[in-house]
C-alpha atoms as a PDB file:
ATOM      1  CA  MET A   1      24.963  94.050  20.287  1.00  0.00           C
ATOM      2  CA  VAL A   2      22.205  91.608  19.528  1.00  0.00           C
ATOM      3  CA  ILE A   3      19.524  92.186  17.204  1.00  0.00           C
ATOM      4  CA  ARG A   4      15.921  91.980  19.070  1.00  0.00           C
ATOM      5  CA  TRP A   5      13.973  91.856  15.686  1.00  0.00           C
ATOM      6  CA  PHE A   6      14.229  87.959  15.317  1.00  0.00           C
ATOM      7  CA  VAL A   7      12.287  87.465  18.229  1.00  0.00           C
ATOM      8  CA  ASP A   8       9.003  89.338  16.959  1.00  0.00           C
ATOM      9  CA  ASN A   9       6.184  87.046  16.156  1.00  0.00           C
ATOM     10  CA  SER A  10       5.647  88.682  12.534  1.00  0.00           C
ATOM     11  CA  THR A  11       9.089  87.953  11.892  1.00  0.00           C
ATOM     12  CA  ARG A  12       8.765  84.586  12.686  1.00  0.00           C
ATOM     13  CA  LEU A  13       5.721  84.058  10.513  1.00  0.00           C
ATOM     14  CA  ILE A  14       7.481  85.766   7.603  1.00  0.00           C
ATOM     15  CA  LEU A  15      10.291  83.484   7.974  1.00  0.00           C
ATOM     16  CA  CYS A  16       7.832  80.294   8.267  1.00  0.00           C
ATOM     17  CA  GLY A  17       6.364  81.470   5.016  1.00  0.00           C
ATOM     18  CA  LEU A  18       9.757  81.737   3.295  1.00  0.00           C
ATOM     19  CA  LEU A  19      10.916  78.360   4.381  1.00  0.00           C
ATOM     20  CA  LEU A  20       7.374  77.173   3.043  1.00  0.00           C
ATOM     21  CA  PHE A  21       7.956  78.659  -0.144  1.00  0.00           C
ATOM     22  CA  ILE A  22      11.306  77.396  -0.526  1.00  0.00           C
ATOM     23  CA  TRP A  23      10.196  74.052   0.350  1.00  0.00           C
ATOM     24  CA  SER A  24       7.237  74.133  -2.002  1.00  0.00           C
ATOM     25  CA  ILE A  25       9.645  75.001  -4.946  1.00  0.00           C
ATOM     26  CA  ASP A  26       9.810  71.725  -7.407  1.00  0.00           C
ATOM     27  CA  TYR A  27      13.543  72.147  -8.348  1.00  0.00           C
ATOM     28  CA  LYS A  28      13.122  69.425 -10.890  1.00  0.00           C
ATOM     29  CA  VAL A  29      10.590  70.742 -12.967  1.00  0.00           C
ATOM     30  CA  HIS A  30      11.377  74.527 -12.558  1.00  0.00           C
ATOM     31  CA  GLY A  31      15.154  74.000 -13.448  1.00  0.00           C
ATOM     32  CA  ASP A  32      15.045  77.299 -15.519  1.00  0.00           C
ATOM     33  CA  LEU A  33      13.283  79.356 -12.898  1.00  0.00           C
ATOM     34  CA  THR A  34      15.680  81.820 -11.374  1.00  0.00           C
ATOM     35  CA  LEU A  35      15.814  85.488 -10.019  1.00  0.00           C
ATOM     36  CA  CYS A  36      19.349  85.770 -11.075  1.00  0.00           C
ATOM     37  CA  LEU A  37      19.811  88.903 -12.914  1.00  0.00           C
ATOM     38  CA  ILE A  38      23.170  87.603 -14.509  1.00  0.00           C
ATOM     39  CA  LYS A  39      21.448  84.640 -15.729  1.00  0.00           C
ATOM     40  CA  ASN A  40      18.360  86.294 -17.265  1.00  0.00           C
ATOM     41  CA  ILE A  41      20.560  88.961 -19.002  1.00  0.00           C
ATOM     42  CA  THR A  42      23.484  86.702 -20.294  1.00  0.00           C
ATOM     43  CA  GLY A  43      21.941  83.113 -20.206  1.00  0.00           C
ATOM     44  CA  LYS A  44      24.989  81.797 -18.215  1.00  0.00           C
ATOM     45  CA  ASN A  45      25.254  80.695 -14.653  1.00  0.00           C
ATOM     46  CA  CYS A  46      26.676  83.152 -11.914  1.00  0.00           C
ATOM     47  CA  PRO A  47      28.492  81.465  -9.142  1.00  0.00           C
ATOM     48  CA  GLY A  48      25.551  81.469  -6.807  1.00  0.00           C
ATOM     49  CA  CYS A  49      22.906  80.198  -9.525  1.00  0.00           C
ATOM     50  CA  GLY A  50      21.287  76.872  -7.933  1.00  0.00           C
ATOM     51  CA  VAL A  51      21.621  77.966  -4.139  1.00  0.00           C
ATOM     52  CA  LEU A  52      18.012  78.537  -3.593  1.00  0.00           C
ATOM     53  CA  ARG A  53      16.941  75.250  -5.717  1.00  0.00           C
ATOM     54  CA  GLY A  54      19.766  73.496  -3.885  1.00  0.00           C
ATOM     55  CA  ILE A  55      18.338  74.689  -0.541  1.00  0.00           C
ATOM     56  CA  SER A  56      14.611  73.375  -1.699  1.00  0.00           C
ATOM     57  CA  ALA A  57      16.538  70.035  -2.536  1.00  0.00           C
ATOM     58  CA  VAL A  58      18.203  69.686   0.693  1.00  0.00           C
ATOM     59  CA  MET A  59      14.749  70.369   2.259  1.00  0.00           C
ATOM     60  CA  HIS A  60      13.589  67.366   0.291  1.00  0.00           C
ATOM     61  CA  LEU A  61      16.658  65.252   1.454  1.00  0.00           C
ATOM     62  CA  ASP A  62      17.859  65.177  -2.202  1.00  0.00           C
ATOM     63  CA  LEU A  63      21.550  65.816  -1.715  1.00  0.00           C
ATOM     64  CA  LYS A  64      22.388  64.362  -5.071  1.00  0.00           C
ATOM     65  CA  SER A  65      20.511  66.942  -6.749  1.00  0.00           C
ATOM     66  CA  ALA A  66      21.723  69.875  -4.303  1.00  0.00           C
ATOM     67  CA  TYR A  67      25.208  69.021  -5.426  1.00  0.00           C
ATOM     68  CA  GLU A  68      24.369  68.916  -9.116  1.00  0.00           C
ATOM     69  CA  LEU A  69      22.663  72.252  -9.025  1.00  0.00           C
ATOM     70  CA  ASN A  70      25.522  74.120  -7.638  1.00  0.00           C
ATOM     71  CA  ASN A  71      28.793  72.161  -6.389  1.00  0.00           C
ATOM     72  CA  MET A  72      29.393  74.911  -3.842  1.00  0.00           C
ATOM     73  CA  ASN A  73      25.981  74.060  -1.993  1.00  0.00           C
ATOM     74  CA  ILE A  74      28.133  71.535  -0.336  1.00  0.00           C
ATOM     75  CA  VAL A  75      29.765  74.547   1.647  1.00  0.00           C
ATOM     76  CA  THR A  76      27.067  76.933   1.211  1.00  0.00           C
ATOM     77  CA  ILE A  77      24.289  75.278   2.868  1.00  0.00           C
ATOM     78  CA  PRO A  78      25.998  73.965   5.942  1.00  0.00           C
ATOM     79  CA  LEU A  79      27.469  77.570   6.447  1.00  0.00           C
ATOM     80  CA  LEU A  80      24.073  79.307   6.283  1.00  0.00           C
ATOM     81  CA  GLY A  81      22.591  76.538   8.538  1.00  0.00           C
ATOM     82  CA  TYR A  82      25.571  77.115  10.859  1.00  0.00           C
ATOM     83  CA  LEU A  83      24.988  81.285  10.792  1.00  0.00           C
ATOM     84  CA  PHE A  84      21.368  80.927  11.219  1.00  0.00           C
ATOM     85  CA  THR A  85      21.741  78.603  14.271  1.00  0.00           C
ATOM     86  CA  ARG A  86      24.335  80.865  15.889  1.00  0.00           C
ATOM     87  CA  PHE A  87      22.184  83.968  15.257  1.00  0.00           C
ATOM     88  CA  TRP A  88      18.988  82.280  16.703  1.00  0.00           C
ATOM     89  CA  ILE A  89      20.880  80.900  19.670  1.00  0.00           C
ATOM     90  CA  ALA A  90      22.340  84.471  20.285  1.00  0.00           C
ATOM     91  CA  ASN A  91      19.016  86.095  20.342  1.00  0.00           C
ATOM     92  CA  ARG A  92      17.380  83.225  22.569  1.00  0.00           C
ATOM     93  CA  LEU A  93      20.017  83.495  25.232  1.00  0.00           C
ATOM     94  CA  SER A  94      20.115  87.221  25.727  1.00  0.00           C
END
């Protein structure tokens, strides 16, 4: 079953706004900016800390910083890109 909500114009607008927000994050200045509940409570990084800032770094073509923010970004970001592309193509073809 293919989900049809992705082709809606309001969803496209929200997605573009989200991508613009992620791109606008200055990952070098706001290194301590986090939404991670574990990091906010304990002060320690969880396995997912740095992924959003890593995505922002990749969008700015700064691969070294993306790797330094979270070593798993080498796997996570291409996987997210693949899943997004696969989902987008599946919705466009049907």
